[in-house]
PDB file of N, CA and C in Angstrom:
ATOM      1  N   MET A   1      -3.401 -44.306  -8.402  1.00  0.00           N
ATOM      2  CA  MET A   1      -3.247 -42.957  -8.205  1.00  0.00           C
ATOM      3  C   MET A   1      -3.680 -42.492  -6.815  1.00  0.00           C
ATOM      4  N   THR A   2      -2.724 -41.754  -6.162  1.00  0.00           N
ATOM      5  CA  THR A   2      -3.123 -41.410  -4.719  1.00  0.00           C
ATOM      6  C   THR A   2      -4.018 -40.202  -4.775  1.00  0.00           C
ATOM      7  N   ASP A   3      -4.729 -39.988  -3.616  1.00  0.00           N
ATOM      8  CA  ASP A   3      -5.658 -38.810  -3.474  1.00  0.00           C
ATOM      9  C   ASP A   3      -4.884 -37.529  -3.648  1.00  0.00           C
ATOM     10  N   TYR A   4      -3.591 -37.514  -3.168  1.00  0.00           N
ATOM     11  CA  TYR A   4      -2.820 -36.303  -3.228  1.00  0.00           C
ATOM     12  C   TYR A   4      -2.595 -35.900  -4.779  1.00  0.00           C
ATOM     13  N   ILE A   5      -2.250 -36.883  -5.605  1.00  0.00           N
ATOM     14  CA  ILE A   5      -1.951 -36.625  -7.017  1.00  0.00           C
ATOM     15  C   ILE A   5      -3.240 -36.213  -7.697  1.00  0.00           C
ATOM     16  N   ARG A   6      -4.388 -36.770  -7.363  1.00  0.00           N
ATOM     17  CA  ARG A   6      -5.632 -36.489  -8.039  1.00  0.00           C
ATOM     18  C   ARG A   6      -6.170 -35.068  -7.643  1.00  0.00           C
ATOM     19  N   GLY A   7      -5.597 -34.611  -6.462  1.00  0.00           N
ATOM     20  CA  GLY A   7      -5.992 -33.259  -6.092  1.00  0.00           C
ATOM     21  C   GLY A   7      -7.174 -33.216  -5.028  1.00  0.00           C
ATOM     22  N   SER A   8      -7.544 -34.412  -4.552  1.00  0.00           N
ATOM     23  CA  SER A   8      -8.626 -34.401  -3.545  1.00  0.00           C
ATOM     24  C   SER A   8      -8.227 -34.217  -2.128  1.00  0.00           C
ATOM     25  N   THR A   9      -6.903 -34.291  -1.889  1.00  0.00           N
ATOM     26  CA  THR A   9      -6.360 -34.017  -0.615  1.00  0.00           C
ATOM     27  C   THR A   9      -5.629 -32.687  -0.595  1.00  0.00           C
ATOM     28  N   ARG A  10      -5.892 -31.797   0.353  1.00  0.00           N
ATOM     29  CA  ARG A  10      -5.216 -30.568   0.461  1.00  0.00           C
ATOM     30  C   ARG A  10      -4.377 -30.588   1.677  1.00  0.00           C
ATOM     31  N   PRO A  11      -3.157 -30.972   1.672  1.00  0.00           N
ATOM     32  CA  PRO A  11      -2.311 -31.034   2.869  1.00  0.00           C
ATOM     33  C   PRO A  11      -2.026 -29.693   3.531  1.00  0.00           C
ATOM     34  N   HIS A  12      -2.208 -28.588   2.846  1.00  0.00           N
ATOM     35  CA  HIS A  12      -1.931 -27.307   3.504  1.00  0.00           C
ATOM     36  C   HIS A  12      -3.161 -26.414   3.479  1.00  0.00           C
ATOM     37  N   LYS A  13      -4.334 -27.005   3.720  1.00  0.00           N
ATOM     38  CA  LYS A  13      -5.553 -26.242   3.719  1.00  0.00           C
ATOM     39  C   LYS A  13      -5.524 -25.288   4.931  1.00  0.00           C
ATOM     40  N   PRO A  14      -5.781 -24.017   4.704  1.00  0.00           N
ATOM     41  CA  PRO A  14      -5.723 -23.014   5.884  1.00  0.00           C
ATOM     42  C   PRO A  14      -6.995 -23.244   6.771  1.00  0.00           C
ATOM     43  N   PRO A  15      -6.926 -22.822   8.011  1.00  0.00           N
ATOM     44  CA  PRO A  15      -8.060 -22.946   8.851  1.00  0.00           C
ATOM     45  C   PRO A  15      -9.231 -22.151   8.262  1.00  0.00           C
ATOM     46  N   GLU A  16     -10.463 -22.601   8.563  1.00  0.00           N
ATOM     47  CA  GLU A  16     -11.577 -21.983   7.993  1.00  0.00           C
ATOM     48  C   GLU A  16     -11.662 -20.408   8.220  1.00  0.00           C
ATOM     49  N   ASP A  17     -11.266 -19.969   9.407  1.00  0.00           N
ATOM     50  CA  ASP A  17     -11.367 -18.615   9.777  1.00  0.00           C
ATOM     51  C   ASP A  17     -10.261 -17.646   9.044  1.00  0.00           C
ATOM     52  N   GLN A  18      -9.289 -18.385   8.424  1.00  0.00           N
ATOM     53  CA  GLN A  18      -8.241 -17.626   7.747  1.00  0.00           C
ATOM     54  C   GLN A  18      -8.662 -17.218   6.406  1.00  0.00           C
ATOM     55  N   GLY A  19      -9.376 -18.059   5.661  1.00  0.00           N
ATOM     56  CA  GLY A  19      -9.676 -17.785   4.310  1.00  0.00           C
ATOM     57  C   GLY A  19      -8.566 -18.071   3.413  1.00  0.00           C
ATOM     58  N   ILE A  20      -8.601 -17.526   2.171  1.00  0.00           N
ATOM     59  CA  ILE A  20      -7.522 -17.697   1.194  1.00  0.00           C
ATOM     60  C   ILE A  20      -6.279 -17.046   1.687  1.00  0.00           C
ATOM     61  N   SER A  21      -5.161 -17.799   1.528  1.00  0.00           N
ATOM     62  CA  SER A  21      -3.853 -17.237   1.943  1.00  0.00           C
ATOM     63  C   SER A  21      -2.847 -17.536   0.874  1.00  0.00           C
ATOM     64  N   LEU A  22      -2.118 -16.450   0.558  1.00  0.00           N
ATOM     65  CA  LEU A  22      -0.950 -16.571  -0.350  1.00  0.00           C
ATOM     66  C   LEU A  22       0.361 -16.103   0.414  1.00  0.00           C
ATOM     67  N   ALA A  23       0.258 -16.313   1.624  1.00  0.00           N
ATOM     68  CA  ALA A  23       1.339 -15.732   2.427  1.00  0.00           C
ATOM     69  C   ALA A  23       2.748 -16.489   2.086  1.00  0.00           C
ATOM     70  N   GLY A  24       2.613 -17.709   1.583  1.00  0.00           N
ATOM     71  CA  GLY A  24       3.850 -18.444   1.175  1.00  0.00           C
ATOM     72  C   GLY A  24       4.418 -17.799  -0.047  1.00  0.00           C
ATOM     73  N   PHE A  25       3.728 -17.004  -0.851  1.00  0.00           N
ATOM     74  CA  PHE A  25       4.166 -16.285  -1.937  1.00  0.00           C
ATOM     75  C   PHE A  25       4.492 -14.846  -1.666  1.00  0.00           C
ATOM     76  N   GLY A  26       4.444 -14.480  -0.370  1.00  0.00           N
ATOM     77  CA  GLY A  26       4.730 -13.144   0.057  1.00  0.00           C
ATOM     78  C   GLY A  26       3.506 -12.180  -0.071  1.00  0.00           C
ATOM     79  N   ILE A  27       2.343 -12.641  -0.225  1.00  0.00           N
ATOM     80  CA  ILE A  27       1.172 -11.815  -0.305  1.00  0.00           C
ATOM     81  C   ILE A  27       0.427 -11.879   1.041  1.00  0.00           C
ATOM     82  N   PRO A  28       0.440 -10.793   1.867  1.00  0.00           N
ATOM     83  CA  PRO A  28      -0.219 -10.823   3.153  1.00  0.00           C
ATOM     84  C   PRO A  28      -1.739 -10.907   2.987  1.00  0.00           C
ATOM     85  N   THR A  29      -2.348 -11.471   4.023  1.00  0.00           N
ATOM     86  CA  THR A  29      -3.737 -11.666   4.047  1.00  0.00           C
ATOM     87  C   THR A  29      -4.514 -10.275   3.961  1.00  0.00           C
ATOM     88  N   ALA A  30      -3.913  -9.283   4.490  1.00  0.00           N
ATOM     89  CA  ALA A  30      -4.531  -7.876   4.433  1.00  0.00           C
ATOM     90  C   ALA A  30      -4.693  -7.381   3.009  1.00  0.00           C
ATOM     91  N   SER A  31      -3.927  -7.851   2.047  1.00  0.00           N
ATOM     92  CA  SER A  31      -4.011  -7.364   0.668  1.00  0.00           C
ATOM     93  C   SER A  31      -4.607  -8.375  -0.273  1.00  0.00           C
ATOM     94  N   MET A  32      -5.233  -9.441   0.199  1.00  0.00           N
ATOM     95  CA  MET A  32      -5.831 -10.440  -0.627  1.00  0.00           C
ATOM     96  C   MET A  32      -6.945  -9.817  -1.590  1.00  0.00           C
ATOM     97  N   ASN A  33      -7.844  -9.005  -1.006  1.00  0.00           N
ATOM     98  CA  ASN A  33      -8.900  -8.444  -1.876  1.00  0.00           C
ATOM     99  C   ASN A  33      -8.302  -7.668  -3.017  1.00  0.00           C
ATOM    100  N   THR A  34      -7.325  -6.824  -2.790  1.00  0.00           N
ATOM    101  CA  THR A  34      -6.805  -6.033  -3.824  1.00  0.00           C
ATOM    102  C   THR A  34      -5.999  -7.009  -4.801  1.00  0.00           C
ATOM    103  N   TRP A  35      -5.369  -7.958  -4.297  1.00  0.00           N
ATOM    104  CA  TRP A  35      -4.559  -8.931  -5.090  1.00  0.00           C
ATOM    105  C   TRP A  35      -5.584  -9.653  -6.039  1.00  0.00           C
ATOM    106  N   MET A  36      -6.673 -10.088  -5.508  1.00  0.00           N
ATOM    107  CA  MET A  36      -7.731 -10.808  -6.293  1.00  0.00           C
ATOM    108  C   MET A  36      -8.337  -9.857  -7.381  1.00  0.00           C
ATOM    109  N   THR A  37      -8.553  -8.618  -7.107  1.00  0.00           N
ATOM    110  CA  THR A  37      -8.975  -7.704  -8.101  1.00  0.00           C
ATOM    111  C   THR A  37      -8.001  -7.468  -9.248  1.00  0.00           C
ATOM    112  N   LEU A  38      -6.758  -7.380  -8.888  1.00  0.00           N
ATOM    113  CA  LEU A  38      -5.741  -7.258  -9.877  1.00  0.00           C
ATOM    114  C   LEU A  38      -5.623  -8.586 -10.763  1.00  0.00           C
ATOM    115  N   GLN A  39      -5.615  -9.623 -10.124  1.00  0.00           N
ATOM    116  CA  GLN A  39      -5.591 -10.884 -10.830  1.00  0.00           C
ATOM    117  C   GLN A  39      -6.743 -11.124 -11.751  1.00  0.00           C
ATOM    118  N   GLY A  40      -7.907 -10.773 -11.269  1.00  0.00           N
ATOM    119  CA  GLY A  40      -9.090 -10.837 -12.152  1.00  0.00           C
ATOM    120  C   GLY A  40      -8.961 -10.003 -13.411  1.00  0.00           C
ATOM    121  N   TRP A  41      -8.435  -8.869 -13.171  1.00  0.00           N
ATOM    122  CA  TRP A  41      -8.253  -7.901 -14.315  1.00  0.00           C
ATOM    123  C   TRP A  41      -7.193  -8.577 -15.295  1.00  0.00           C
ATOM    124  N   PHE A  42      -6.146  -9.063 -14.821  1.00  0.00           N
ATOM    125  CA  PHE A  42      -5.176  -9.691 -15.763  1.00  0.00           C
ATOM    126  C   PHE A  42      -5.736 -11.012 -16.418  1.00  0.00           C
ATOM    127  N   ALA A  43      -6.553 -11.748 -15.594  1.00  0.00           N
ATOM    128  CA  ALA A  43      -7.132 -13.032 -16.190  1.00  0.00           C
ATOM    129  C   ALA A  43      -8.016 -12.697 -17.362  1.00  0.00           C
ATOM    130  N   ALA A  44      -8.686 -11.544 -17.292  1.00  0.00           N
ATOM    131  CA  ALA A  44      -9.589 -11.128 -18.385  1.00  0.00           C
ATOM    132  C   ALA A  44      -8.855 -10.749 -19.662  1.00  0.00           C
ATOM    133  N   GLY A  45      -7.537 -10.772 -19.568  1.00  0.00           N
ATOM    134  CA  GLY A  45      -6.771 -10.492 -20.810  1.00  0.00           C
ATOM    135  C   GLY A  45      -6.280  -9.084 -20.861  1.00  0.00           C
ATOM    136  N   GLU A  46      -6.540  -8.241 -19.847  1.00  0.00           N
ATOM    137  CA  GLU A  46      -6.069  -6.859 -19.810  1.00  0.00           C
ATOM    138  C   GLU A  46      -4.590  -6.879 -19.656  1.00  0.00           C
ATOM    139  N   VAL A  47      -3.893  -5.978 -20.358  1.00  0.00           N
ATOM    140  CA  VAL A  47      -2.520  -5.789 -20.276  1.00  0.00           C
ATOM    141  C   VAL A  47      -2.133  -4.414 -19.760  1.00  0.00           C
ATOM    142  N   PRO A  48      -1.718  -4.244 -18.589  1.00  0.00           N
ATOM    143  CA  PRO A  48      -1.339  -2.962 -17.920  1.00  0.00           C
ATOM    144  C   PRO A  48      -0.196  -2.272 -18.722  1.00  0.00           C
ATOM    145  N   PRO A  49      -0.078  -0.984 -18.761  1.00  0.00           N
ATOM    146  CA  PRO A  49       0.985  -0.268 -19.439  1.00  0.00           C
ATOM    147  C   PRO A  49       2.454  -0.676 -18.857  1.00  0.00           C
ATOM    148  N   CYS A  50       2.422  -1.183 -17.613  1.00  0.00           N
ATOM    149  CA  CYS A  50       3.698  -1.424 -17.061  1.00  0.00           C
ATOM    150  C   CYS A  50       4.278  -2.783 -17.438  1.00  0.00           C
ATOM    151  N   ALA A  51       3.446  -3.645 -18.092  1.00  0.00           N
ATOM    152  CA  ALA A  51       3.931  -4.958 -18.395  1.00  0.00           C
ATOM    153  C   ALA A  51       5.106  -5.028 -19.311  1.00  0.00           C
ATOM    154  N   GLY A  52       6.218  -5.561 -18.800  1.00  0.00           N
ATOM    155  CA  GLY A  52       7.350  -5.793 -19.573  1.00  0.00           C
ATOM    156  C   GLY A  52       8.266  -4.483 -19.796  1.00  0.00           C
ATOM    157  N   ARG A  53       8.004  -3.470 -19.021  1.00  0.00           N
ATOM    158  CA  ARG A  53       8.714  -2.311 -19.116  1.00  0.00           C
ATOM    159  C   ARG A  53       9.565  -1.973 -17.944  1.00  0.00           C
ATOM    160  N   HIS A  54      10.614  -1.318 -18.150  1.00  0.00           N
ATOM    161  CA  HIS A  54      11.549  -1.026 -17.013  1.00  0.00           C
ATOM    162  C   HIS A  54      11.376   0.255 -16.285  1.00  0.00           C
ATOM    163  N   GLU A  55      10.504   1.137 -16.832  1.00  0.00           N
ATOM    164  CA  GLU A  55      10.441   2.507 -16.288  1.00  0.00           C
ATOM    165  C   GLU A  55       9.768   2.476 -14.909  1.00  0.00           C
ATOM    166  N   TRP A  56       8.991   1.516 -14.524  1.00  0.00           N
ATOM    167  CA  TRP A  56       8.317   1.467 -13.219  1.00  0.00           C
ATOM    168  C   TRP A  56       9.290   1.137 -12.105  1.00  0.00           C
ATOM    169  N   THR A  57      10.499   0.664 -12.471  1.00  0.00           N
ATOM    170  CA  THR A  57      11.487   0.470 -11.392  1.00  0.00           C
ATOM    171  C   THR A  57      12.798   1.131 -11.616  1.00  0.00           C
ATOM    172  N   SER A  58      12.809   2.035 -12.545  1.00  0.00           N
ATOM    173  CA  SER A  58      14.001   2.782 -12.844  1.00  0.00           C
ATOM    174  C   SER A  58      14.166   3.918 -11.855  1.00  0.00           C
ATOM    175  N   SER A  59      15.463   4.290 -11.647  1.00  0.00           N
ATOM    176  CA  SER A  59      15.735   5.442 -10.813  1.00  0.00           C
ATOM    177  C   SER A  59      15.793   6.692 -11.558  1.00  0.00           C
ATOM    178  N   SER A  60      15.703   6.678 -12.844  1.00  0.00           N
ATOM    179  CA  SER A  60      15.809   7.841 -13.766  1.00  0.00           C
ATOM    180  C   SER A  60      14.502   8.653 -13.554  1.00  0.00           C
ATOM    181  N   THR A  61      14.690  10.032 -13.382  1.00  0.00           N
ATOM    182  CA  THR A  61      13.525  10.886 -13.196  1.00  0.00           C
ATOM    183  C   THR A  61      12.689  10.894 -14.469  1.00  0.00           C
ATOM    184  N   LYS A  62      13.342  10.829 -15.659  1.00  0.00           N
ATOM    185  CA  LYS A  62      12.656  10.825 -16.900  1.00  0.00           C
ATOM    186  C   LYS A  62      11.749   9.512 -16.987  1.00  0.00           C
ATOM    187  N   ASP A  63      12.271   8.373 -16.651  1.00  0.00           N
ATOM    188  CA  ASP A  63      11.530   7.084 -16.731  1.00  0.00           C
ATOM    189  C   ASP A  63      10.429   7.179 -15.796  1.00  0.00           C
ATOM    190  N   LYS A  64      10.622   7.749 -14.534  1.00  0.00           N
ATOM    191  CA  LYS A  64       9.543   7.759 -13.545  1.00  0.00           C
ATOM    192  C   LYS A  64       8.397   8.633 -14.031  1.00  0.00           C
ATOM    193  N   ARG A  65       8.628   9.768 -14.745  1.00  0.00           N
ATOM    194  CA  ARG A  65       7.691  10.663 -15.160  1.00  0.00           C
ATOM    195  C   ARG A  65       6.835   9.967 -16.248  1.00  0.00           C
ATOM    196  N   LEU A  66       7.514   9.220 -17.144  1.00  0.00           N
ATOM    197  CA  LEU A  66       6.864   8.467 -18.150  1.00  0.00           C
ATOM    198  C   LEU A  66       5.945   7.381 -17.570  1.00  0.00           C
ATOM    199  N   ALA A  67       6.395   6.681 -16.605  1.00  0.00           N
ATOM    200  CA  ALA A  67       5.591   5.641 -15.912  1.00  0.00           C
ATOM    201  C   ALA A  67       4.366   6.235 -15.173  1.00  0.00           C
ATOM    202  N   ILE A  68       4.536   7.340 -14.548  1.00  0.00           N
ATOM    203  CA  ILE A  68       3.373   8.047 -13.922  1.00  0.00           C
ATOM    204  C   ILE A  68       2.422   8.462 -14.869  1.00  0.00           C
ATOM    205  N   ARG A  69       2.862   9.072 -16.048  1.00  0.00           N
ATOM    206  CA  ARG A  69       1.995   9.481 -17.095  1.00  0.00           C
ATOM    207  C   ARG A  69       1.235   8.258 -17.718  1.00  0.00           C
ATOM    208  N   LEU A  70       1.863   7.138 -17.913  1.00  0.00           N
ATOM    209  CA  LEU A  70       1.211   5.972 -18.483  1.00  0.00           C
ATOM    210  C   LEU A  70       0.247   5.354 -17.538  1.00  0.00           C
ATOM    211  N   CYS A  71       0.460   5.418 -16.206  1.00  0.00           N
ATOM    212  CA  CYS A  71      -0.512   4.946 -15.292  1.00  0.00           C
ATOM    213  C   CYS A  71      -1.839   5.735 -15.232  1.00  0.00           C
ATOM    214  N   ALA A  72      -1.829   6.833 -15.764  1.00  0.00           N
ATOM    215  CA  ALA A  72      -2.975   7.735 -15.592  1.00  0.00           C
ATOM    216  C   ALA A  72      -4.303   7.044 -16.192  1.00  0.00           C
ATOM    217  N   ASP A  73      -4.204   6.423 -17.266  1.00  0.00           N
ATOM    218  CA  ASP A  73      -5.342   5.743 -17.919  1.00  0.00           C
ATOM    219  C   ASP A  73      -5.581   4.268 -17.554  1.00  0.00           C
ATOM    220  N   CYS A  74      -4.739   3.741 -16.722  1.00  0.00           N
ATOM    221  CA  CYS A  74      -4.747   2.325 -16.466  1.00  0.00           C
ATOM    222  C   CYS A  74      -5.974   1.970 -15.474  1.00  0.00           C
ATOM    223  N   PRO A  75      -6.842   1.066 -15.909  1.00  0.00           N
ATOM    224  CA  PRO A  75      -7.995   0.740 -14.998  1.00  0.00           C
ATOM    225  C   PRO A  75      -7.581   0.113 -13.736  1.00  0.00           C
ATOM    226  N   ALA A  76      -6.426  -0.456 -13.654  1.00  0.00           N
ATOM    227  CA  ALA A  76      -5.994  -1.096 -12.425  1.00  0.00           C
ATOM    228  C   ALA A  76      -5.257  -0.219 -11.527  1.00  0.00           C
ATOM    229  N   LYS A  77      -5.228   1.059 -11.813  1.00  0.00           N
ATOM    230  CA  LYS A  77      -4.355   2.143 -11.091  1.00  0.00           C
ATOM    231  C   LYS A  77      -4.753   2.149  -9.603  1.00  0.00           C
ATOM    232  N   HIS A  78      -6.053   2.175  -9.237  1.00  0.00           N
ATOM    233  CA  HIS A  78      -6.425   2.266  -7.907  1.00  0.00           C
ATOM    234  C   HIS A  78      -6.082   1.039  -7.053  1.00  0.00           C
ATOM    235  N   ALA A  79      -6.339  -0.090  -7.669  1.00  0.00           N
ATOM    236  CA  ALA A  79      -6.037  -1.352  -7.017  1.00  0.00           C
ATOM    237  C   ALA A  79      -4.507  -1.578  -6.834  1.00  0.00           C
ATOM    238  N   CYS A  80      -3.823  -1.170  -7.778  1.00  0.00           N
ATOM    239  CA  CYS A  80      -2.362  -1.156  -7.763  1.00  0.00           C
ATOM    240  C   CYS A  80      -1.785  -0.347  -6.688  1.00  0.00           C
ATOM    241  N   ARG A  81      -2.343   0.858  -6.554  1.00  0.00           N
ATOM    242  CA  ARG A  81      -1.904   1.783  -5.481  1.00  0.00           C
ATOM    243  C   ARG A  81      -2.248   1.266  -4.073  1.00  0.00           C
ATOM    244  N   GLU A  82      -3.446   0.774  -4.004  1.00  0.00           N
ATOM    245  CA  GLU A  82      -3.862   0.235  -2.680  1.00  0.00           C
ATOM    246  C   GLU A  82      -2.973  -1.015  -2.327  1.00  0.00           C
ATOM    247  N   PHE A  83      -2.669  -1.846  -3.306  1.00  0.00           N
ATOM    248  CA  PHE A  83      -1.797  -2.974  -2.941  1.00  0.00           C
ATOM    249  C   PHE A  83      -0.457  -2.585  -2.491  1.00  0.00           C
ATOM    250  N   ALA A  84       0.106  -1.498  -3.117  1.00  0.00           N
ATOM    251  CA  ALA A  84       1.415  -1.010  -2.692  1.00  0.00           C
ATOM    252  C   ALA A  84       1.360  -0.395  -1.293  1.00  0.00           C
ATOM    253  N   GLU A  85       0.300   0.344  -0.994  1.00  0.00           N
ATOM    254  CA  GLU A  85       0.187   0.932   0.300  1.00  0.00           C
ATOM    255  C   GLU A  85       0.001  -0.170   1.413  1.00  0.00           C
ATOM    256  N   THR A  86      -0.826  -1.116   1.102  1.00  0.00           N
ATOM    257  CA  THR A  86      -1.082  -2.212   2.149  1.00  0.00           C
ATOM    258  C   THR A  86       0.239  -2.979   2.366  1.00  0.00           C
ATOM    259  N   ASN A  87       0.994  -3.233   1.329  1.00  0.00           N
ATOM    260  CA  ASN A  87       2.311  -3.974   1.499  1.00  0.00           C
ATOM    261  C   ASN A  87       3.437  -3.092   1.759  1.00  0.00           C
ATOM    262  N   ASN A  88       3.251  -1.854   1.967  1.00  0.00           N
ATOM    263  CA  ASN A  88       4.379  -0.860   2.266  1.00  0.00           C
ATOM    264  C   ASN A  88       5.532  -1.009   1.207  1.00  0.00           C
ATOM    265  N   GLU A  89       5.088  -1.007  -0.027  1.00  0.00           N
ATOM    266  CA  GLU A  89       6.123  -0.966  -1.105  1.00  0.00           C
ATOM    267  C   GLU A  89       6.881   0.314  -1.020  1.00  0.00           C
ATOM    268  N   ARG A  90       8.115   0.318  -1.087  1.00  0.00           N
ATOM    269  CA  ARG A  90       8.929   1.556  -0.952  1.00  0.00           C
ATOM    270  C   ARG A  90       9.635   1.947  -2.238  1.00  0.00           C
ATOM    271  N   TYR A  91       9.573   1.150  -3.275  1.00  0.00           N
ATOM    272  CA  TYR A  91      10.337   1.483  -4.470  1.00  0.00           C
ATOM    273  C   TYR A  91       9.446   1.271  -5.717  1.00  0.00           C
ATOM    274  N   GLY A  92       9.690   2.021  -6.663  1.00  0.00           N
ATOM    275  CA  GLY A  92       8.996   1.902  -8.000  1.00  0.00           C
ATOM    276  C   GLY A  92       7.766   2.755  -8.041  1.00  0.00           C
ATOM    277  N   ILE A  93       7.102   2.685  -9.183  1.00  0.00           N
ATOM    278  CA  ILE A  93       5.869   3.388  -9.530  1.00  0.00           C
ATOM    279  C   ILE A  93       4.776   2.434  -9.288  1.00  0.00           C
ATOM    280  N   TRP A  94       3.807   2.748  -8.426  1.00  0.00           N
ATOM    281  CA  TRP A  94       2.623   1.912  -8.154  1.00  0.00           C
ATOM    282  C   TRP A  94       1.399   2.805  -8.191  1.00  0.00           C
ATOM    283  N   GLY A  95       0.555   2.465  -9.163  1.00  0.00           N
ATOM    284  CA  GLY A  95      -0.829   3.178  -9.313  1.00  0.00           C
ATOM    285  C   GLY A  95      -0.540   4.678  -9.587  1.00  0.00           C
ATOM    286  N   GLY A  96       0.470   4.949 -10.313  1.00  0.00           N
ATOM    287  CA  GLY A  96       0.730   6.336 -10.703  1.00  0.00           C
ATOM    288  C   GLY A  96       1.498   7.220  -9.540  1.00  0.00           C
ATOM    289  N   GLN A  97       1.997   6.543  -8.587  1.00  0.00           N
ATOM    290  CA  GLN A  97       2.723   7.270  -7.496  1.00  0.00           C
ATOM    291  C   GLN A  97       4.113   6.696  -7.398  1.00  0.00           C
ATOM    292  N   ASP A  98       5.061   7.600  -7.119  1.00  0.00           N
ATOM    293  CA  ASP A  98       6.454   7.183  -6.926  1.00  0.00           C
ATOM    294  C   ASP A  98       6.590   6.856  -5.470  1.00  0.00           C
ATOM    295  N   ARG A  99       6.712   5.573  -5.216  1.00  0.00           N
ATOM    296  CA  ARG A  99       6.763   5.092  -3.765  1.00  0.00           C
ATOM    297  C   ARG A  99       8.118   5.403  -3.119  1.00  0.00           C
ATOM    298  N   SER A 100       9.181   5.776  -3.879  1.00  0.00           N
ATOM    299  CA  SER A 100      10.491   5.990  -3.307  1.00  0.00           C
ATOM    300  C   SER A 100      10.506   7.373  -2.744  1.00  0.00           C
ATOM    301  N   THR A 101       9.549   8.240  -3.032  1.00  0.00           N
ATOM    302  CA  THR A 101       9.529   9.549  -2.381  1.00  0.00           C
ATOM    303  C   THR A 101       8.684   9.691  -1.145  1.00  0.00           C
ATOM    304  N   ARG A 102       8.183   8.609  -0.692  1.00  0.00           N
ATOM    305  CA  ARG A 102       7.347   8.571   0.590  1.00  0.00           C
ATOM    306  C   ARG A 102       8.163   8.539   1.721  1.00  0.00           C
TER     307      ARG A 102
END
């Protein structure tokens, strides 16, 4: 078995000053802290109200109102909003805010 298969070789290791990078997945370095907060929340088994629902990306005013209302009690709301702001998301409901009206 080669070192690469065993996982002891990291052919794409980022430089030490760069830290963790998920840029290959479209996640900019500037939003890594927020991304990790959200992922920690999901890894703990929490399920956000937006999971598997279409209202967060719908263009219907009724759907948008429902999504914003459901975001109100979500513990990930602030991290979600910060992630959207950092990444300049322009569409959908993020952290209880309609990004398409910005």
